Amino acid sequence: MHYFYVLLCCDETLYAGYSTDVAKRFRTHRTGKGAKYTRAHPPKCILYTEAFTEKRAALQQEYAFKQLSRAKKLEFLQAHGVQLPDDA
């Protein structure tokens, strides 16, 4: 399976990514060996994951999410049942 995921970072920013193993990728981000962004903005938790059978579909979802404004990203997450912290 291929996954699109969204992380909530310690500074309340959002990070979106792709992985075939979200838990392992999250651990990599937490140790500072993940993406450049998460080295500067350590992730607190995984907010959302979505599974795809095809890599292309997961990457397309990641790209589409990254094109959204922060307000639209929060709307997307709420529409998919994600309970956001009040300060996010």
N, C-alpha and C. Protein backbone atom coordinates (compact mmCIF):
# COMPACT_ATOMS: atom_id res chain seq x y z
N MET A 1 0.84 -1.19 0.00
CA MET A 1 0.00 0.00 0.00
C MET A 1 0.88 1.25 0.00
N HIS A 2 0.29 2.33 -0.48
CA HIS A 2 0.95 3.63 -0.54
C HIS A 2 0.09 4.60 0.26
N TYR A 3 0.73 5.45 1.01
CA TYR A 3 0.00 6.33 1.91
C TYR A 3 0.35 7.80 1.72
N PHE A 4 -0.68 8.62 1.79
CA PHE A 4 -0.55 10.07 1.93
C PHE A 4 -0.80 10.32 3.41
N TYR A 5 0.02 11.17 4.03
CA TYR A 5 -0.16 11.43 5.46
C TYR A 5 0.05 12.91 5.77
N VAL A 6 -0.52 13.33 6.89
CA VAL A 6 -0.37 14.70 7.36
C VAL A 6 0.07 14.64 8.82
N LEU A 7 1.12 15.39 9.12
CA LEU A 7 1.64 15.49 10.48
C LEU A 7 1.33 16.86 11.05
N LEU A 8 1.12 16.91 12.36
CA LEU A 8 1.04 18.18 13.08
C LEU A 8 2.39 18.38 13.74
N CYS A 9 3.02 19.50 13.44
CA CYS A 9 4.35 19.79 13.98
C CYS A 9 4.24 20.55 15.30
N CYS A 10 5.34 20.61 16.03
CA CYS A 10 5.37 21.24 17.36
C CYS A 10 4.98 22.72 17.33
N ASP A 11 5.20 23.38 16.20
CA ASP A 11 4.83 24.79 16.09
C ASP A 11 3.44 24.96 15.47
N GLU A 12 2.66 23.88 15.46
CA GLU A 12 1.28 23.84 14.96
C GLU A 12 1.18 23.95 13.44
N THR A 13 2.29 23.84 12.72
CA THR A 13 2.23 23.80 11.27
C THR A 13 1.90 22.37 10.84
N LEU A 14 1.54 22.23 9.57
CA LEU A 14 1.19 20.93 9.01
C LEU A 14 2.26 20.51 8.01
N TYR A 15 2.54 19.22 7.99
CA TYR A 15 3.47 18.66 7.02
C TYR A 15 2.77 17.50 6.33
N ALA A 16 2.80 17.48 5.01
CA ALA A 16 2.19 16.40 4.24
C ALA A 16 3.28 15.61 3.54
N GLY A 17 3.08 14.30 3.46
CA GLY A 17 4.07 13.47 2.81
C GLY A 17 3.49 12.19 2.25
N TYR A 18 4.39 11.37 1.70
CA TYR A 18 4.05 10.08 1.10
C TYR A 18 4.97 9.03 1.72
N SER A 19 4.44 7.84 1.93
CA SER A 19 5.25 6.74 2.44
C SER A 19 4.54 5.41 2.19
N THR A 20 5.31 4.34 2.24
CA THR A 20 4.71 2.99 2.22
C THR A 20 4.60 2.45 3.65
N ASP A 21 5.20 3.15 4.62
CA ASP A 21 5.13 2.76 6.03
C ASP A 21 5.12 4.04 6.86
N VAL A 22 3.93 4.50 7.18
CA VAL A 22 3.78 5.81 7.84
C VAL A 22 4.40 5.81 9.24
N ALA A 23 4.21 4.75 10.01
CA ALA A 23 4.77 4.71 11.36
C ALA A 23 6.30 4.81 11.32
N LYS A 24 6.91 4.08 10.42
CA LYS A 24 8.38 4.12 10.29
C LYS A 24 8.83 5.51 9.83
N ARG A 25 8.11 6.08 8.89
CA ARG A 25 8.46 7.41 8.37
C ARG A 25 8.31 8.46 9.47
N PHE A 26 7.27 8.33 10.30
CA PHE A 26 7.07 9.26 11.42
C PHE A 26 8.25 9.17 12.39
N ARG A 27 8.70 7.96 12.69
CA ARG A 27 9.86 7.80 13.57
C ARG A 27 11.10 8.46 12.95
N THR A 28 11.25 8.34 11.64
CA THR A 28 12.38 8.97 10.96
C THR A 28 12.29 10.49 11.08
N HIS A 29 11.10 11.03 10.89
CA HIS A 29 10.91 12.48 11.06
C HIS A 29 11.26 12.89 12.49
N ARG A 30 10.80 12.12 13.47
CA ARG A 30 11.02 12.45 14.89
C ARG A 30 12.50 12.44 15.27
N THR A 31 13.29 11.63 14.62
CA THR A 31 14.72 11.57 14.94
C THR A 31 15.52 12.64 14.21
N GLY A 32 14.86 13.46 13.39
CA GLY A 32 15.55 14.52 12.67
C GLY A 32 16.20 14.07 11.39
N LYS A 33 15.88 12.86 10.95
CA LYS A 33 16.47 12.34 9.72
C LYS A 33 15.46 12.28 8.58
N GLY A 34 14.31 12.89 8.77
CA GLY A 34 13.28 12.90 7.73
C GLY A 34 13.50 14.07 6.80
N ALA A 35 12.44 14.69 6.42
CA ALA A 35 12.50 15.84 5.51
C ALA A 35 13.16 17.05 6.17
N LYS A 36 13.71 17.90 5.35
CA LYS A 36 14.34 19.12 5.85
C LYS A 36 13.36 19.93 6.69
N TYR A 37 12.11 20.00 6.25
CA TYR A 37 11.10 20.78 6.98
C TYR A 37 10.91 20.25 8.40
N THR A 38 10.82 18.94 8.54
CA THR A 38 10.55 18.38 9.88
C THR A 38 11.79 18.40 10.78
N ARG A 39 12.96 18.65 10.22
CA ARG A 39 14.14 18.85 11.07
C ARG A 39 14.01 20.18 11.81
N ALA A 40 13.47 21.17 11.14
CA ALA A 40 13.28 22.49 11.75
C ALA A 40 11.96 22.61 12.50
N HIS A 41 11.00 21.76 12.15
CA HIS A 41 9.66 21.79 12.75
C HIS A 41 9.30 20.36 13.17
N PRO A 42 9.83 19.90 14.31
CA PRO A 42 9.61 18.50 14.71
C PRO A 42 8.13 18.15 14.80
N PRO A 43 7.74 16.99 14.29
CA PRO A 43 6.34 16.60 14.34
C PRO A 43 5.90 16.11 15.72
N LYS A 44 4.66 16.44 16.08
CA LYS A 44 4.06 15.99 17.34
C LYS A 44 3.30 14.69 17.13
N CYS A 45 2.51 14.65 16.06
CA CYS A 45 1.65 13.49 15.86
C CYS A 45 1.24 13.35 14.40
N ILE A 46 0.74 12.17 14.09
CA ILE A 46 0.16 11.92 12.77
C ILE A 46 -1.31 12.30 12.87
N LEU A 47 -1.73 13.25 12.05
CA LEU A 47 -3.13 13.68 12.07
C LEU A 47 -4.01 12.84 11.14
N TYR A 48 -3.45 12.45 10.00
CA TYR A 48 -4.29 11.85 8.96
C TYR A 48 -3.46 10.93 8.08
N THR A 49 -4.04 9.81 7.72
CA THR A 49 -3.44 8.94 6.71
C THR A 49 -4.54 8.49 5.76
N GLU A 50 -4.15 8.30 4.52
CA GLU A 50 -5.08 7.79 3.50
C GLU A 50 -4.32 6.78 2.66
N ALA A 51 -4.89 5.60 2.52
CA ALA A 51 -4.24 4.51 1.80
C ALA A 51 -4.66 4.49 0.33
N PHE A 52 -3.71 4.15 -0.52
CA PHE A 52 -3.94 4.03 -1.95
C PHE A 52 -3.27 2.75 -2.45
N THR A 53 -3.85 2.13 -3.43
CA THR A 53 -3.23 0.94 -4.01
C THR A 53 -2.13 1.31 -4.99
N GLU A 54 -2.20 2.51 -5.55
CA GLU A 54 -1.21 2.95 -6.52
C GLU A 54 -0.41 4.14 -5.98
N LYS A 55 0.89 4.09 -6.17
CA LYS A 55 1.78 5.16 -5.72
C LYS A 55 1.39 6.49 -6.32
N ARG A 56 1.09 6.48 -7.60
CA ARG A 56 0.73 7.71 -8.30
C ARG A 56 -0.44 8.44 -7.63
N ALA A 57 -1.45 7.70 -7.23
CA ALA A 57 -2.63 8.30 -6.59
C ALA A 57 -2.26 8.95 -5.25
N ALA A 58 -1.41 8.28 -4.47
CA ALA A 58 -0.99 8.84 -3.19
C ALA A 58 -0.18 10.12 -3.40
N LEU A 59 0.72 10.10 -4.38
CA LEU A 59 1.52 11.29 -4.67
C LEU A 59 0.66 12.44 -5.20
N GLN A 60 -0.36 12.11 -5.98
CA GLN A 60 -1.27 13.15 -6.48
C GLN A 60 -2.04 13.79 -5.33
N GLN A 61 -2.45 12.97 -4.36
CA GLN A 61 -3.18 13.52 -3.20
C GLN A 61 -2.25 14.41 -2.37
N GLU A 62 -1.01 13.98 -2.20
CA GLU A 62 -0.04 14.80 -1.47
C GLU A 62 0.14 16.15 -2.17
N TYR A 63 0.33 16.12 -3.48
CA TYR A 63 0.53 17.35 -4.24
C TYR A 63 -0.70 18.27 -4.12
N ALA A 64 -1.88 17.69 -4.29
CA ALA A 64 -3.11 18.49 -4.22
C ALA A 64 -3.25 19.14 -2.84
N PHE A 65 -2.96 18.39 -1.79
CA PHE A 65 -3.06 18.92 -0.43
C PHE A 65 -2.08 20.07 -0.23
N LYS A 66 -0.87 19.92 -0.73
CA LYS A 66 0.15 20.94 -0.56
C LYS A 66 -0.19 22.24 -1.30
N GLN A 67 -1.05 22.17 -2.28
CA GLN A 67 -1.46 23.37 -3.03
C GLN A 67 -2.51 24.19 -2.29
N LEU A 68 -3.13 23.61 -1.28
CA LEU A 68 -4.20 24.29 -0.54
C LEU A 68 -3.64 25.33 0.42
N SER A 69 -4.46 26.33 0.71
CA SER A 69 -4.10 27.29 1.76
C SER A 69 -4.24 26.57 3.10
N ARG A 70 -3.69 27.15 4.14
CA ARG A 70 -3.81 26.53 5.47
C ARG A 70 -5.26 26.35 5.86
N ALA A 71 -6.09 27.35 5.60
CA ALA A 71 -7.51 27.25 5.95
C ALA A 71 -8.17 26.08 5.22
N LYS A 72 -7.85 25.90 3.95
CA LYS A 72 -8.42 24.80 3.16
C LYS A 72 -7.88 23.45 3.64
N LYS A 73 -6.62 23.42 4.05
CA LYS A 73 -6.05 22.18 4.60
C LYS A 73 -6.80 21.78 5.87
N LEU A 74 -7.08 22.76 6.73
CA LEU A 74 -7.81 22.48 7.96
C LEU A 74 -9.23 22.02 7.64
N GLU A 75 -9.87 22.63 6.64
CA GLU A 75 -11.21 22.19 6.21
C GLU A 75 -11.17 20.75 5.72
N PHE A 76 -10.16 20.42 4.92
CA PHE A 76 -10.00 19.06 4.41
C PHE A 76 -9.90 18.07 5.57
N LEU A 77 -9.06 18.38 6.54
CA LEU A 77 -8.86 17.48 7.67
C LEU A 77 -10.15 17.32 8.48
N GLN A 78 -10.83 18.42 8.75
CA GLN A 78 -12.09 18.35 9.51
C GLN A 78 -13.13 17.56 8.73
N ALA A 79 -13.20 17.72 7.41
CA ALA A 79 -14.16 16.99 6.59
C ALA A 79 -13.86 15.49 6.59
N HIS A 80 -12.62 15.13 6.89
CA HIS A 80 -12.23 13.71 6.95
C HIS A 80 -12.17 13.19 8.40
N GLY A 81 -12.85 13.90 9.30
CA GLY A 81 -13.01 13.42 10.66
C GLY A 81 -11.84 13.63 11.60
N VAL A 82 -10.93 14.49 11.23
CA VAL A 82 -9.76 14.74 12.09
C VAL A 82 -10.14 15.78 13.14
N GLN A 83 -9.92 15.44 14.41
CA GLN A 83 -10.15 16.37 15.51
C GLN A 83 -8.89 17.20 15.70
N LEU A 84 -8.96 18.47 15.40
CA LEU A 84 -7.79 19.34 15.49
C LEU A 84 -7.70 20.01 16.85
N PRO A 85 -6.48 20.24 17.34
CA PRO A 85 -6.32 21.02 18.57
C PRO A 85 -6.87 22.43 18.35
N ASP A 86 -7.32 23.06 19.42
CA ASP A 86 -7.89 24.41 19.30
C ASP A 86 -6.90 25.43 18.76
N ASP A 87 -5.62 25.24 19.02
CA ASP A 87 -4.62 26.22 18.61
C ASP A 87 -4.00 25.91 17.25
N ALA A 88 -4.49 24.90 16.56
CA ALA A 88 -3.91 24.53 15.25
C ALA A 88 -4.38 25.45 14.16
